[in-house]
Amino acid sequence: MSRISAWIHGLGKEGRTGEPTGPPLKAWQKCLTEIFGTGLGTGYVPRGHGTAASALLVLLWVWFVPRNARAEWTAVLALHLAGKPLCDWGERMWGHDPGRITIDEFAGQAVALVGVPRKPLPLLLAFVLFRYFDVFKHLTVRNYIESIPRGWGTLLDDTVAGFLARAVTGGINPLLGFRKRV
């Protein structure tokens, strides 16, 4: 299946798993990874798990993150601080950059949502652009960032996609009549 048709169908990265890497995890690490590392279970969705995780994060963002820059950037930081060990543990359980780990989509989508007005069109734009940049990674991201070990590559490739989506969203929203908040 081509990358274009994969994106259209919301498949993105298949739910591949590889050989576990590193020492075995403790029971509590496995539990946290299976709940939070999989984006509250979105990593177990058979198809489109990255899209499901991003969509869930948009809903959680609108419902729970206060509308101010400090709260939004704090949420981004918290997702990244929690996401790094969860991505590392996920790689240790399921191999490098496993499809089951979707906390990285949470972190990247959060970056894309900072400062976005809480209206359907700007939120949809941030969601679609993040998914686009996540699936169609720039060659630099694919060749260098994704290959960083110990969970960093898994997390940072989505962070880059989030910043790219944020930049484009920030340029398009004013053209649509929506003011940038942050």
N, C-alpha and C. Protein backbone atom coordinates (compact mmCIF):
# COMPACT_ATOMS: atom_id res chain seq x y z
N MET A 1 0.86 -1.18 0.00
CA MET A 1 0.00 0.00 0.00
C MET A 1 0.90 1.23 0.00
N SER A 2 0.58 2.19 -0.83
CA SER A 2 1.40 3.41 -0.91
C SER A 2 1.19 4.26 0.34
N ARG A 3 2.15 5.17 0.57
CA ARG A 3 2.03 6.05 1.74
C ARG A 3 0.81 6.95 1.60
N ILE A 4 0.49 7.37 0.38
CA ILE A 4 -0.67 8.25 0.19
C ILE A 4 -1.95 7.51 0.56
N SER A 5 -2.13 6.31 0.05
CA SER A 5 -3.36 5.58 0.38
C SER A 5 -3.38 5.21 1.86
N ALA A 6 -2.21 4.97 2.46
CA ALA A 6 -2.18 4.68 3.89
C ALA A 6 -2.66 5.87 4.69
N TRP A 7 -2.22 7.07 4.30
CA TRP A 7 -2.66 8.27 5.02
C TRP A 7 -4.14 8.50 4.82
N ILE A 8 -4.63 8.33 3.58
CA ILE A 8 -6.04 8.54 3.30
C ILE A 8 -6.90 7.60 4.14
N HIS A 9 -6.47 6.37 4.26
CA HIS A 9 -7.23 5.40 5.04
C HIS A 9 -6.93 5.47 6.53
N GLY A 10 -6.05 6.39 6.93
CA GLY A 10 -5.77 6.57 8.34
C GLY A 10 -4.92 5.48 8.95
N LEU A 11 -4.20 4.75 8.11
CA LEU A 11 -3.42 3.65 8.64
C LEU A 11 -2.08 4.12 9.20
N GLY A 12 -1.47 5.08 8.52
CA GLY A 12 -0.17 5.56 8.98
C GLY A 12 0.80 4.41 9.14
N LYS A 13 1.53 4.40 10.21
CA LYS A 13 2.50 3.35 10.50
C LYS A 13 1.73 2.12 10.96
N GLU A 14 1.99 0.99 10.36
CA GLU A 14 1.33 -0.24 10.76
C GLU A 14 1.70 -0.57 12.20
N GLY A 15 0.91 -1.38 12.85
CA GLY A 15 1.13 -1.75 14.24
C GLY A 15 2.24 -2.78 14.37
N ARG A 16 3.35 -2.51 13.71
CA ARG A 16 4.44 -3.47 13.69
C ARG A 16 5.10 -3.56 15.07
N THR A 17 5.65 -4.70 15.30
CA THR A 17 6.46 -4.88 16.48
C THR A 17 7.72 -5.60 16.05
N GLY A 18 8.76 -5.41 16.79
CA GLY A 18 10.03 -6.06 16.47
C GLY A 18 10.48 -6.87 17.66
N GLU A 19 11.76 -7.14 17.67
CA GLU A 19 12.34 -7.86 18.79
C GLU A 19 12.49 -6.91 19.97
N PRO A 20 12.13 -7.34 21.16
CA PRO A 20 12.35 -6.51 22.34
C PRO A 20 13.82 -6.12 22.46
N THR A 21 14.06 -4.91 22.95
CA THR A 21 15.43 -4.45 23.11
C THR A 21 15.68 -4.14 24.58
N GLY A 22 16.89 -4.37 25.02
CA GLY A 22 17.26 -4.01 26.38
C GLY A 22 16.76 -4.99 27.41
N PRO A 23 17.02 -4.68 28.67
CA PRO A 23 16.63 -5.58 29.76
C PRO A 23 15.11 -5.61 29.93
N PRO A 24 14.59 -6.69 30.50
CA PRO A 24 13.15 -6.78 30.74
C PRO A 24 12.68 -5.68 31.70
N LEU A 25 11.42 -5.32 31.56
CA LEU A 25 10.84 -4.28 32.40
C LEU A 25 10.26 -4.88 33.68
N LYS A 26 10.13 -4.04 34.68
CA LYS A 26 9.43 -4.43 35.90
C LYS A 26 7.93 -4.41 35.61
N ALA A 27 7.16 -5.06 36.44
CA ALA A 27 5.71 -5.17 36.24
C ALA A 27 5.05 -3.80 36.17
N TRP A 28 5.45 -2.86 37.05
CA TRP A 28 4.82 -1.54 37.06
C TRP A 28 5.16 -0.75 35.79
N GLN A 29 6.35 -0.97 35.22
CA GLN A 29 6.72 -0.30 33.98
C GLN A 29 5.88 -0.84 32.82
N LYS A 30 5.69 -2.15 32.79
CA LYS A 30 4.84 -2.76 31.75
C LYS A 30 3.42 -2.23 31.84
N CYS A 31 2.90 -2.15 33.06
CA CYS A 31 1.53 -1.68 33.28
C CYS A 31 1.37 -0.24 32.79
N LEU A 32 2.29 0.64 33.19
CA LEU A 32 2.22 2.04 32.75
C LEU A 32 2.34 2.15 31.23
N THR A 33 3.21 1.34 30.64
CA THR A 33 3.39 1.38 29.19
C THR A 33 2.14 0.89 28.48
N GLU A 34 1.54 -0.17 28.99
CA GLU A 34 0.35 -0.71 28.34
C GLU A 34 -0.86 0.21 28.47
N ILE A 35 -0.90 1.03 29.50
CA ILE A 35 -2.02 1.97 29.66
C ILE A 35 -1.71 3.32 29.02
N PHE A 36 -0.64 3.94 29.47
CA PHE A 36 -0.35 5.31 29.04
C PHE A 36 0.53 5.38 27.79
N GLY A 37 1.47 4.44 27.66
CA GLY A 37 2.32 4.42 26.47
C GLY A 37 1.52 4.15 25.21
N THR A 38 0.44 3.40 25.36
CA THR A 38 -0.43 3.12 24.22
C THR A 38 -1.51 4.18 24.06
N GLY A 39 -1.30 5.34 24.65
CA GLY A 39 -2.26 6.43 24.49
C GLY A 39 -3.64 6.06 24.97
N LEU A 40 -3.71 5.55 26.20
CA LEU A 40 -4.98 5.12 26.80
C LEU A 40 -5.67 4.04 25.96
N GLY A 41 -4.84 3.18 25.38
CA GLY A 41 -5.37 2.05 24.61
C GLY A 41 -5.48 2.27 23.12
N THR A 42 -5.25 3.48 22.64
CA THR A 42 -5.37 3.72 21.20
C THR A 42 -4.33 2.96 20.39
N GLY A 43 -3.24 2.57 21.02
CA GLY A 43 -2.22 1.79 20.32
C GLY A 43 -2.68 0.38 19.98
N TYR A 44 -3.78 -0.06 20.59
CA TYR A 44 -4.32 -1.39 20.31
C TYR A 44 -5.40 -1.36 19.23
N VAL A 45 -5.75 -0.16 18.75
CA VAL A 45 -6.71 -0.08 17.64
C VAL A 45 -6.07 -0.78 16.44
N PRO A 46 -6.79 -1.69 15.76
CA PRO A 46 -6.16 -2.47 14.70
C PRO A 46 -5.62 -1.64 13.53
N ARG A 47 -6.32 -0.62 13.15
CA ARG A 47 -5.88 0.24 12.04
C ARG A 47 -6.09 1.69 12.46
N GLY A 48 -5.13 2.52 12.07
CA GLY A 48 -5.27 3.95 12.36
C GLY A 48 -5.04 4.31 13.80
N HIS A 49 -4.15 3.58 14.49
CA HIS A 49 -3.94 3.85 15.92
C HIS A 49 -3.34 5.23 16.16
N GLY A 50 -2.47 5.70 15.27
CA GLY A 50 -1.90 7.06 15.42
C GLY A 50 -2.97 8.12 15.25
N THR A 51 -3.85 7.91 14.28
CA THR A 51 -4.96 8.84 14.05
C THR A 51 -5.92 8.82 15.23
N ALA A 52 -6.20 7.62 15.75
CA ALA A 52 -7.08 7.51 16.91
C ALA A 52 -6.49 8.23 18.12
N ALA A 53 -5.18 8.08 18.32
CA ALA A 53 -4.52 8.75 19.45
C ALA A 53 -4.58 10.26 19.30
N SER A 54 -4.31 10.75 18.09
CA SER A 54 -4.36 12.20 17.86
C SER A 54 -5.76 12.75 18.08
N ALA A 55 -6.77 12.03 17.59
CA ALA A 55 -8.15 12.47 17.76
C ALA A 55 -8.54 12.50 19.24
N LEU A 56 -8.14 11.46 19.98
CA LEU A 56 -8.44 11.43 21.41
C LEU A 56 -7.75 12.58 22.12
N LEU A 57 -6.51 12.88 21.76
CA LEU A 57 -5.80 13.98 22.41
C LEU A 57 -6.49 15.31 22.14
N VAL A 58 -7.00 15.52 20.92
CA VAL A 58 -7.71 16.77 20.63
C VAL A 58 -8.91 16.91 21.56
N LEU A 59 -9.67 15.83 21.74
CA LEU A 59 -10.82 15.88 22.65
C LEU A 59 -10.39 16.15 24.09
N LEU A 60 -9.37 15.44 24.55
CA LEU A 60 -8.88 15.64 25.93
C LEU A 60 -8.36 17.07 26.11
N TRP A 61 -7.70 17.59 25.08
CA TRP A 61 -7.16 18.96 25.11
C TRP A 61 -8.29 19.97 25.31
N VAL A 62 -9.33 19.83 24.51
CA VAL A 62 -10.45 20.77 24.57
C VAL A 62 -11.16 20.67 25.92
N TRP A 63 -11.31 19.46 26.43
CA TRP A 63 -12.05 19.26 27.67
C TRP A 63 -11.26 19.63 28.92
N PHE A 64 -9.94 19.38 28.93
CA PHE A 64 -9.20 19.46 30.19
C PHE A 64 -8.09 20.50 30.27
N VAL A 65 -7.57 20.97 29.16
CA VAL A 65 -6.45 21.91 29.22
C VAL A 65 -6.99 23.34 29.18
N PRO A 66 -6.72 24.12 30.23
CA PRO A 66 -7.20 25.51 30.24
C PRO A 66 -6.67 26.31 29.05
N ARG A 67 -7.43 27.32 28.66
CA ARG A 67 -7.10 28.12 27.48
C ARG A 67 -6.13 29.24 27.81
N ASN A 68 -4.92 28.90 28.17
CA ASN A 68 -3.89 29.92 28.35
C ASN A 68 -2.54 29.29 28.03
N ALA A 69 -1.61 30.14 27.63
CA ALA A 69 -0.32 29.65 27.16
C ALA A 69 0.42 28.82 28.21
N ARG A 70 0.41 29.28 29.45
CA ARG A 70 1.14 28.56 30.50
C ARG A 70 0.58 27.14 30.67
N ALA A 71 -0.71 27.00 30.73
CA ALA A 71 -1.32 25.68 30.91
C ALA A 71 -1.05 24.79 29.69
N GLU A 72 -1.14 25.37 28.50
CA GLU A 72 -0.92 24.56 27.30
C GLU A 72 0.52 24.08 27.19
N TRP A 73 1.48 24.96 27.43
CA TRP A 73 2.89 24.55 27.36
C TRP A 73 3.25 23.61 28.50
N THR A 74 2.59 23.77 29.65
CA THR A 74 2.80 22.84 30.76
C THR A 74 2.31 21.44 30.38
N ALA A 75 1.16 21.37 29.71
CA ALA A 75 0.64 20.08 29.25
C ALA A 75 1.60 19.45 28.23
N VAL A 76 2.14 20.26 27.32
CA VAL A 76 3.10 19.75 26.34
C VAL A 76 4.33 19.19 27.05
N LEU A 77 4.85 19.94 28.00
CA LEU A 77 6.03 19.50 28.74
C LEU A 77 5.74 18.21 29.51
N ALA A 78 4.60 18.15 30.16
CA ALA A 78 4.24 16.96 30.93
C ALA A 78 4.13 15.73 30.02
N LEU A 79 3.52 15.89 28.85
CA LEU A 79 3.41 14.77 27.91
C LEU A 79 4.78 14.31 27.44
N HIS A 80 5.68 15.25 27.21
CA HIS A 80 7.03 14.88 26.78
C HIS A 80 7.83 14.22 27.91
N LEU A 81 7.71 14.75 29.12
CA LEU A 81 8.44 14.16 30.25
C LEU A 81 7.93 12.74 30.56
N ALA A 82 6.63 12.55 30.47
CA ALA A 82 6.06 11.21 30.68
C ALA A 82 6.30 10.32 29.46
N GLY A 83 6.26 10.94 28.28
CA GLY A 83 6.38 10.17 27.04
C GLY A 83 7.73 9.55 26.80
N LYS A 84 8.80 10.22 27.22
CA LYS A 84 10.14 9.70 26.94
C LYS A 84 10.36 8.33 27.57
N PRO A 85 10.16 8.16 28.89
CA PRO A 85 10.36 6.80 29.43
C PRO A 85 9.35 5.79 28.88
N LEU A 86 8.11 6.24 28.62
CA LEU A 86 7.12 5.31 28.08
C LEU A 86 7.51 4.83 26.69
N CYS A 87 8.07 5.72 25.87
CA CYS A 87 8.54 5.31 24.54
C CYS A 87 9.73 4.36 24.67
N ASP A 88 10.62 4.65 25.59
CA ASP A 88 11.77 3.77 25.83
C ASP A 88 11.30 2.39 26.29
N TRP A 89 10.40 2.36 27.24
CA TRP A 89 9.89 1.08 27.73
C TRP A 89 9.13 0.34 26.62
N GLY A 90 8.40 1.08 25.78
CA GLY A 90 7.69 0.45 24.67
C GLY A 90 8.66 -0.20 23.69
N GLU A 91 9.78 0.47 23.44
CA GLU A 91 10.79 -0.12 22.56
C GLU A 91 11.40 -1.36 23.21
N ARG A 92 11.57 -1.32 24.52
CA ARG A 92 12.12 -2.48 25.21
C ARG A 92 11.14 -3.65 25.19
N MET A 93 9.84 -3.36 25.14
CA MET A 93 8.83 -4.43 25.10
C MET A 93 8.58 -4.94 23.70
N TRP A 94 8.50 -3.99 22.71
CA TRP A 94 8.01 -4.36 21.38
C TRP A 94 8.96 -4.03 20.23
N GLY A 95 10.17 -3.57 20.50
CA GLY A 95 11.11 -3.25 19.43
C GLY A 95 11.10 -1.76 19.11
N HIS A 96 11.99 -1.36 18.18
CA HIS A 96 12.18 0.07 17.88
C HIS A 96 10.92 0.68 17.26
N ASP A 97 10.52 1.84 17.79
CA ASP A 97 9.37 2.64 17.31
C ASP A 97 8.15 1.78 17.02
N PRO A 98 7.67 1.05 18.03
CA PRO A 98 6.53 0.16 17.79
C PRO A 98 5.24 0.95 17.55
N GLY A 99 4.41 0.44 16.67
CA GLY A 99 3.14 1.09 16.38
C GLY A 99 2.21 1.18 17.57
N ARG A 100 2.37 0.26 18.51
CA ARG A 100 1.50 0.29 19.69
C ARG A 100 1.71 1.52 20.56
N ILE A 101 2.91 2.06 20.55
CA ILE A 101 3.19 3.24 21.38
C ILE A 101 2.62 4.47 20.68
N THR A 102 1.64 5.10 21.33
CA THR A 102 1.00 6.28 20.74
C THR A 102 1.07 7.50 21.66
N ILE A 103 1.79 7.40 22.76
CA ILE A 103 1.99 8.58 23.61
C ILE A 103 2.75 9.64 22.82
N ASP A 104 3.55 9.22 21.85
CA ASP A 104 4.28 10.17 21.01
C ASP A 104 3.32 10.99 20.16
N GLU A 105 2.22 10.39 19.72
CA GLU A 105 1.19 11.15 19.00
C GLU A 105 0.52 12.16 19.93
N PHE A 106 0.28 11.76 21.16
CA PHE A 106 -0.27 12.70 22.14
C PHE A 106 0.65 13.92 22.27
N ALA A 107 1.95 13.67 22.44
CA ALA A 107 2.90 14.76 22.65
C ALA A 107 3.01 15.66 21.42
N GLY A 108 3.11 15.06 20.24
CA GLY A 108 3.22 15.85 19.02
C GLY A 108 1.95 16.63 18.70
N GLN A 109 0.80 15.99 18.87
CA GLN A 109 -0.47 16.68 18.62
C GLN A 109 -0.64 17.83 19.59
N ALA A 110 -0.20 17.67 20.82
CA ALA A 110 -0.29 18.75 21.80
C ALA A 110 0.50 19.97 21.35
N VAL A 111 1.70 19.75 20.80
CA VAL A 111 2.50 20.87 20.28
C VAL A 111 1.72 21.59 19.20
N ALA A 112 1.08 20.83 18.32
CA ALA A 112 0.31 21.44 17.22
C ALA A 112 -0.89 22.24 17.71
N LEU A 113 -1.41 21.92 18.89
CA LEU A 113 -2.62 22.57 19.40
C LEU A 113 -2.37 23.82 20.24
N VAL A 114 -1.13 24.05 20.65
CA VAL A 114 -0.86 25.22 21.48
C VAL A 114 -1.24 26.49 20.73
N GLY A 115 -2.08 27.30 21.37
CA GLY A 115 -2.49 28.58 20.79
C GLY A 115 -3.59 28.50 19.76
N VAL A 116 -4.06 27.30 19.45
CA VAL A 116 -5.12 27.15 18.45
C VAL A 116 -6.46 27.49 19.09
N PRO A 117 -7.26 28.35 18.44
CA PRO A 117 -8.60 28.65 18.99
C PRO A 117 -9.43 27.37 19.15
N ARG A 118 -10.23 27.31 20.19
CA ARG A 118 -11.04 26.12 20.46
C ARG A 118 -12.33 26.16 19.65
N LYS A 119 -12.16 26.19 18.35
CA LYS A 119 -13.28 26.16 17.41
C LYS A 119 -13.05 25.00 16.46
N PRO A 120 -14.12 24.41 15.90
CA PRO A 120 -13.96 23.20 15.09
C PRO A 120 -12.97 23.32 13.92
N LEU A 121 -13.03 24.37 13.13
CA LEU A 121 -12.16 24.46 11.96
C LEU A 121 -10.68 24.56 12.33
N PRO A 122 -10.27 25.45 13.24
CA PRO A 122 -8.86 25.48 13.60
C PRO A 122 -8.36 24.18 14.25
N LEU A 123 -9.20 23.55 15.07
CA LEU A 123 -8.82 22.28 15.69
C LEU A 123 -8.66 21.18 14.63
N LEU A 124 -9.59 21.13 13.69
CA LEU A 124 -9.50 20.15 12.61
C LEU A 124 -8.26 20.40 11.75
N LEU A 125 -7.96 21.66 11.48
CA LEU A 125 -6.78 22.01 10.70
C LEU A 125 -5.50 21.54 11.42
N ALA A 126 -5.40 21.80 12.71
CA ALA A 126 -4.23 21.37 13.48
C ALA A 126 -4.12 19.84 13.50
N PHE A 127 -5.25 19.17 13.62
CA PHE A 127 -5.27 17.70 13.62
C PHE A 127 -4.81 17.15 12.28
N VAL A 128 -5.39 17.62 11.19
CA VAL A 128 -5.06 17.10 9.85
C VAL A 128 -3.61 17.41 9.50
N LEU A 129 -3.16 18.61 9.79
CA LEU A 129 -1.76 18.96 9.47
C LEU A 129 -0.78 18.13 10.30
N PHE A 130 -1.09 17.91 11.57
CA PHE A 130 -0.20 17.06 12.37
C PHE A 130 -0.15 15.66 11.79
N ARG A 131 -1.29 15.08 11.46
CA ARG A 131 -1.29 13.72 10.89
C ARG A 131 -0.51 13.69 9.58
N TYR A 132 -0.68 14.73 8.76
CA TYR A 132 0.05 14.80 7.49
C TYR A 132 1.57 14.80 7.75
N PHE A 133 2.03 15.70 8.62
CA PHE A 133 3.47 15.80 8.87
C PHE A 133 4.01 14.58 9.62
N ASP A 134 3.15 13.89 10.36
CA ASP A 134 3.59 12.68 11.05
C ASP A 134 3.76 11.53 10.06
N VAL A 135 2.84 11.40 9.12
CA VAL A 135 2.92 10.30 8.15
C VAL A 135 3.97 10.59 7.08
N PHE A 136 3.96 11.79 6.52
CA PHE A 136 4.90 12.15 5.46
C PHE A 136 6.08 12.90 6.06
N LYS A 137 6.92 12.17 6.74
CA LYS A 137 8.05 12.78 7.44
C LYS A 137 9.07 13.35 6.46
N HIS A 138 9.64 14.48 6.83
CA HIS A 138 10.74 15.06 6.07
C HIS A 138 11.90 14.06 6.12
N LEU A 139 12.69 14.02 5.06
CA LEU A 139 13.81 13.09 4.97
C LEU A 139 14.76 13.19 6.16
N THR A 140 15.00 14.39 6.64
CA THR A 140 15.88 14.58 7.80
C THR A 140 15.30 13.87 9.02
N VAL A 141 13.99 14.01 9.21
CA VAL A 141 13.33 13.35 10.34
C VAL A 141 13.44 11.84 10.18
N ARG A 142 13.13 11.34 9.00
CA ARG A 142 13.14 9.90 8.76
C ARG A 142 14.55 9.31 8.92
N ASN A 143 15.56 10.01 8.40
CA ASN A 143 16.91 9.45 8.39
C ASN A 143 17.67 9.65 9.69
N TYR A 144 17.41 10.73 10.41
CA TYR A 144 18.22 11.03 11.58
C TYR A 144 17.45 10.98 12.90
N ILE A 145 16.32 11.64 12.96
CA ILE A 145 15.62 11.74 14.24
C ILE A 145 14.98 10.41 14.63
N GLU A 146 14.32 9.74 13.69
CA GLU A 146 13.68 8.46 14.02
C GLU A 146 14.66 7.42 14.52
N SER A 147 15.91 7.51 14.11
CA SER A 147 16.89 6.48 14.47
C SER A 147 17.53 6.70 15.84
N ILE A 148 17.22 7.80 16.51
CA ILE A 148 17.79 8.05 17.84
C ILE A 148 17.23 6.99 18.80
N PRO A 149 18.11 6.32 19.56
CA PRO A 149 17.65 5.20 20.40
C PRO A 149 17.00 5.64 21.72
N ARG A 150 16.57 4.62 22.45
CA ARG A 150 16.05 4.74 23.82
C ARG A 150 14.79 5.61 23.92
N GLY A 151 13.94 5.53 22.93
CA GLY A 151 12.67 6.24 23.00
C GLY A 151 12.70 7.66 22.48
N TRP A 152 13.89 8.25 22.36
CA TRP A 152 13.98 9.64 21.91
C TRP A 152 13.49 9.79 20.47
N GLY A 153 13.92 8.90 19.58
CA GLY A 153 13.51 8.99 18.18
C GLY A 153 12.01 8.83 18.00
N THR A 154 11.45 7.89 18.75
CA THR A 154 10.00 7.66 18.71
C THR A 154 9.24 8.93 19.10
N LEU A 155 9.72 9.60 20.14
CA LEU A 155 9.04 10.80 20.64
C LEU A 155 9.33 12.03 19.78
N LEU A 156 10.58 12.23 19.42
CA LEU A 156 10.96 13.48 18.76
C LEU A 156 10.48 13.60 17.33
N ASP A 157 10.29 12.49 16.61
CA ASP A 157 9.78 12.62 15.24
C ASP A 157 8.37 13.21 15.25
N ASP A 158 7.58 12.85 16.26
CA ASP A 158 6.23 13.42 16.37
C ASP A 158 6.26 14.86 16.89
N THR A 159 7.25 15.16 17.70
CA THR A 159 7.41 16.54 18.18
C THR A 159 7.72 17.47 17.00
N VAL A 160 8.60 17.03 16.12
CA VAL A 160 8.91 17.82 14.92
C VAL A 160 7.66 17.99 14.06
N ALA A 161 6.89 16.92 13.88
CA ALA A 161 5.63 17.01 13.12
C ALA A 161 4.68 18.00 13.78
N GLY A 162 4.65 18.02 15.11
CA GLY A 162 3.80 18.96 15.83
C GLY A 162 4.21 20.40 15.60
N PHE A 163 5.52 20.67 15.63
CA PHE A 163 5.99 22.04 15.38
C PHE A 163 5.74 22.47 13.94
N LEU A 164 5.89 21.55 12.99
CA LEU A 164 5.59 21.89 11.59
C LEU A 164 4.10 22.21 11.42
N ALA A 165 3.25 21.38 12.02
CA ALA A 165 1.81 21.63 11.95
C ALA A 165 1.45 22.94 12.63
N ARG A 166 2.10 23.21 13.75
CA ARG A 166 1.86 24.47 14.48
C ARG A 166 2.23 25.67 13.63
N ALA A 167 3.36 25.60 12.93
CA ALA A 167 3.80 26.71 12.09
C ALA A 167 2.81 26.97 10.94
N VAL A 168 2.38 25.90 10.29
CA VAL A 168 1.45 26.07 9.17
C VAL A 168 0.09 26.52 9.67
N THR A 169 -0.38 25.93 10.76
CA THR A 169 -1.67 26.33 11.34
C THR A 169 -1.64 27.81 11.73
N GLY A 170 -0.53 28.23 12.33
CA GLY A 170 -0.39 29.63 12.74
C GLY A 170 -0.43 30.59 11.56
N GLY A 171 0.00 30.13 10.39
CA GLY A 171 -0.06 30.98 9.20
C GLY A 171 -1.42 30.97 8.53
N ILE A 172 -2.12 29.84 8.60
CA ILE A 172 -3.41 29.72 7.91
C ILE A 172 -4.56 30.29 8.73
N ASN A 173 -4.56 30.09 10.05
CA ASN A 173 -5.68 30.53 10.88
C ASN A 173 -6.03 32.01 10.71
N PRO A 174 -5.05 32.93 10.68
CA PRO A 174 -5.41 34.34 10.47
C PRO A 174 -6.09 34.57 9.11
N LEU A 175 -5.70 33.80 8.12
CA LEU A 175 -6.35 33.93 6.81
C LEU A 175 -7.81 33.49 6.86
N LEU A 176 -8.12 32.61 7.79
CA LEU A 176 -9.49 32.14 7.97
C LEU A 176 -10.28 32.99 8.95
N GLY A 177 -9.63 34.02 9.48
CA GLY A 177 -10.31 34.93 10.40
C GLY A 177 -10.17 34.56 11.86
N PHE A 178 -9.28 33.62 12.18
CA PHE A 178 -9.07 33.21 13.56
C PHE A 178 -7.79 33.83 14.06
N ARG A 179 -7.86 34.47 15.22
CA ARG A 179 -6.67 35.11 15.80
C ARG A 179 -5.83 34.09 16.52
N LYS A 180 -4.54 34.26 16.41
CA LYS A 180 -3.59 33.42 17.12
C LYS A 180 -3.53 33.90 18.57
N ARG A 181 -3.65 32.95 19.54
CA ARG A 181 -3.65 33.33 20.94
C ARG A 181 -2.26 33.34 21.53
N VAL A 182 -1.36 32.46 21.08
CA VAL A 182 -0.05 32.34 21.69
C VAL A 182 1.02 32.54 20.64
